[in-house]
């Protein structure tokens, strides 16, 4: 099927919104750690000025390390968002039904689907990303998409199916 999605549709797609949510989650977790731990060196060493300076320097080092850790995860998700925006026009569009559920252990038990793409004489099984979860931090619930027809893009370089939107 011909891909005629606009940039705005891709920015509103399930794939893009899921990645954007991940970037926000990683940066929010880092900010929570920063806010929650800033008072520890001050409280522990309140009576001694030299200890306060040492505590603040230790805190800054820890924050930088956590920033690098969470920042690398956020940067990975951001690069996937940019990759989709840059390359979506090269991908073919397909309409599939989300009916084969699997659990992703790498993404805290989130759910992904295996879809079957029929293209000419070729039938291929491809996985989506684990967009769906029952947690409060998930933007998409499995109940809204299970056994529903969706339209998406197949990336043959990554061998992934990116869900753009649900077809009602």
Protein backbone atom coordinates (compact mmCIF):
# COMPACT_ATOMS: atom_id res chain seq x y z
CA UNK A 1 0.00 0.00 0.00
CA UNK A 2 1.29 3.47 -0.86
CA UNK A 3 2.55 5.52 2.06
CA UNK A 4 0.80 8.90 1.97
CA UNK A 5 1.25 9.94 5.60
CA UNK A 6 2.08 13.54 6.44
CA UNK A 7 4.73 14.65 8.91
CA UNK A 8 1.96 15.66 11.31
CA UNK A 9 0.38 12.18 11.16
CA UNK A 10 3.76 10.62 11.94
CA UNK A 11 4.23 12.98 14.89
CA UNK A 12 0.82 11.85 16.18
CA UNK A 13 1.54 8.17 15.51
CA UNK A 14 1.67 5.52 18.21
CA UNK A 15 5.38 4.90 17.54
CA UNK A 16 6.41 8.56 17.74
CA UNK A 17 4.26 9.29 20.81
CA UNK A 18 5.59 6.19 22.60
CA UNK A 19 9.19 7.28 21.99
CA UNK A 20 8.39 10.84 23.04
CA UNK A 21 6.82 9.51 26.23
CA UNK A 22 9.98 7.50 26.93
CA UNK A 23 12.20 10.58 26.55
CA UNK A 24 9.98 12.48 28.99
CA UNK A 25 9.98 9.56 31.43
CA UNK A 26 13.78 9.25 31.52
CA UNK A 27 14.30 12.98 31.97
CA UNK A 28 11.60 13.16 34.65
CA UNK A 29 13.19 10.30 36.59
CA UNK A 30 16.53 12.09 36.46
CA UNK A 31 14.95 15.34 37.70
CA UNK A 32 13.24 13.47 40.56
CA UNK A 33 16.59 12.01 41.60
CA UNK A 34 18.18 15.47 41.44
CA UNK A 35 15.42 17.02 43.53
CA UNK A 36 15.21 14.19 46.04
CA UNK A 37 18.95 13.98 46.70
CA UNK A 38 19.99 17.64 46.79
CA UNK A 39 19.24 17.96 50.49
CA UNK A 40 21.14 14.85 51.58
CA UNK A 41 24.66 16.38 51.55
CA UNK A 42 23.38 19.57 53.19
CA UNK A 43 21.56 17.77 56.00
CA UNK A 44 24.34 15.25 56.65
CA UNK A 45 27.08 17.86 56.87
CA UNK A 46 25.18 20.91 58.12
CA UNK A 47 27.59 21.65 61.00
CA UNK A 48 30.85 21.53 59.03
CA UNK A 49 31.51 23.82 56.06
CA UNK A 50 34.24 21.58 54.60
CA UNK A 51 31.92 18.59 54.65
CA UNK A 52 29.19 20.61 52.92
CA UNK A 53 31.54 21.43 50.04
CA UNK A 54 32.64 17.79 49.80
CA UNK A 55 28.99 16.64 49.99
CA UNK A 56 27.90 19.03 47.24
CA UNK A 57 30.78 17.95 44.98
CA UNK A 58 29.92 14.27 45.62
CA UNK A 59 26.27 15.01 44.89
CA UNK A 60 27.17 16.78 41.62
CA UNK A 61 29.31 13.82 40.54
CA UNK A 62 26.45 11.40 41.29
CA UNK A 63 23.97 13.60 39.43
CA UNK A 64 26.27 13.74 36.39
CA UNK A 65 26.59 9.94 36.41
CA UNK A 66 22.81 9.50 36.67
CA UNK A 67 22.38 12.20 34.00
CA UNK A 68 24.67 10.28 31.65
CA UNK A 69 22.78 7.06 32.34
CA UNK A 70 19.26 8.44 31.90
CA UNK A 71 20.47 10.81 29.18
CA UNK A 72 21.78 7.93 27.10
CA UNK A 73 18.40 6.19 27.27
CA UNK A 74 16.60 9.44 26.40
CA UNK A 75 19.03 10.08 23.54
CA UNK A 76 18.41 6.57 22.17
CA UNK A 77 14.64 7.13 22.12
CA UNK A 78 15.10 10.59 20.64
CA UNK A 79 17.30 9.18 17.87
CA UNK A 80 14.57 6.63 17.06
CA UNK A 81 12.04 9.48 16.84
CA UNK A 82 14.30 11.38 14.44
CA UNK A 83 14.94 8.22 12.42
CA UNK A 84 11.20 7.74 11.92
CA UNK A 85 10.66 11.36 10.91
CA UNK A 86 13.57 11.29 8.51
CA UNK A 87 12.74 7.95 6.86
CA UNK A 88 8.97 7.41 7.08
CA UNK A 89 8.44 8.21 3.39
CA UNK A 90 10.71 5.29 2.42
CA UNK A 91 8.51 2.76 4.25
CA UNK A 92 5.52 0.94 2.81
CA UNK A 93 2.18 1.28 4.54
CA UNK A 94 0.11 -1.74 5.60
CA UNK A 95 -3.21 -2.34 7.26
CA UNK A 96 -3.08 -5.19 9.78
CA UNK A 97 -4.99 -6.61 12.73
CA UNK A 98 -3.31 -6.67 16.14
CA UNK A 99 -4.17 -10.17 17.30
CA UNK A 100 -0.93 -11.98 18.23
CA UNK A 101 0.15 -10.66 21.64
CA UNK A 102 3.56 -11.17 23.23
CA UNK A 103 5.17 -9.85 26.41
CA UNK A 104 8.39 -7.84 26.35
CA UNK A 105 10.60 -8.57 29.33
CA UNK A 106 13.05 -5.80 28.38
CA UNK A 107 10.27 -3.18 28.75
CA UNK A 108 8.85 -4.20 32.16
CA UNK A 109 6.22 -6.56 30.81
CA UNK A 110 4.81 -4.23 28.19
CA UNK A 111 2.97 -5.85 25.31
CA UNK A 112 3.94 -5.95 21.66
CA UNK A 113 2.25 -7.59 18.72
CA UNK A 114 3.42 -9.82 15.92
CA UNK A 115 1.66 -8.81 12.72
CA UNK A 116 1.52 -10.49 9.33
CA UNK A 117 2.34 -8.31 6.36
CA UNK A 118 1.11 -9.49 2.98
CA UNK A 119 3.01 -7.90 0.12
CA UNK A 120 2.57 -9.33 -3.38
CA UNK A 121 3.55 -13.01 -3.05
CA UNK A 122 5.34 -12.50 0.27
CA UNK A 123 3.82 -13.02 3.68
CA UNK A 124 6.03 -11.91 6.55
CA UNK A 125 5.66 -11.87 10.33
CA UNK A 126 7.01 -8.72 11.96
CA UNK A 127 7.01 -7.40 15.53
CA UNK A 128 5.84 -4.00 16.70
CA UNK A 129 7.53 -2.18 19.55
CA UNK A 130 6.12 -2.77 23.06
CA UNK A 131 3.80 0.23 23.12
CA UNK A 132 1.11 -1.18 25.34
CA UNK A 133 1.13 -1.51 29.09
CA UNK A 134 -1.29 -1.44 31.97
CA UNK A 135 0.98 0.83 34.03
CA UNK A 136 0.02 4.40 34.79
CA UNK A 137 3.02 5.71 32.85
CA UNK A 138 1.90 4.09 29.59
CA UNK A 139 0.18 6.29 27.07
CA UNK A 140 -1.48 3.37 25.24
CA UNK A 141 -3.55 0.57 26.72
CA UNK A 142 -3.84 -2.89 25.27
CA UNK A 143 -7.64 -2.77 25.53
CA UNK A 144 -7.81 0.07 23.01
CA UNK A 145 -5.82 -1.79 20.35
CA UNK A 146 -6.24 -5.53 20.93
CA UNK A 147 -7.87 -7.25 17.93
CA UNK A 148 -8.27 -3.88 16.22
CA UNK A 149 -7.24 -2.95 12.72
CA UNK A 150 -4.35 -0.50 12.50
CA UNK A 151 -2.40 1.13 9.73
CA UNK A 152 1.33 1.38 10.02
CA UNK A 153 4.69 1.40 8.33
CA UNK A 154 7.05 -1.49 7.76
CA UNK A 155 10.74 -0.69 8.16
CA UNK A 156 12.62 -3.42 6.34
CA UNK A 157 16.00 -2.12 7.62
CA UNK A 158 15.00 -2.63 11.26
CA UNK A 159 12.43 -5.34 10.51
CA UNK A 160 9.84 -3.50 12.60
CA UNK A 161 6.25 -2.48 12.10
CA UNK A 162 5.50 1.03 13.36
CA UNK A 163 1.86 1.60 14.26
CA UNK A 164 0.64 4.94 12.98
CA UNK A 165 -3.02 4.86 13.96
CA UNK A 166 -6.03 2.72 14.61
CA UNK A 167 -8.52 2.29 11.79
CA UNK A 168 -12.08 2.42 13.06
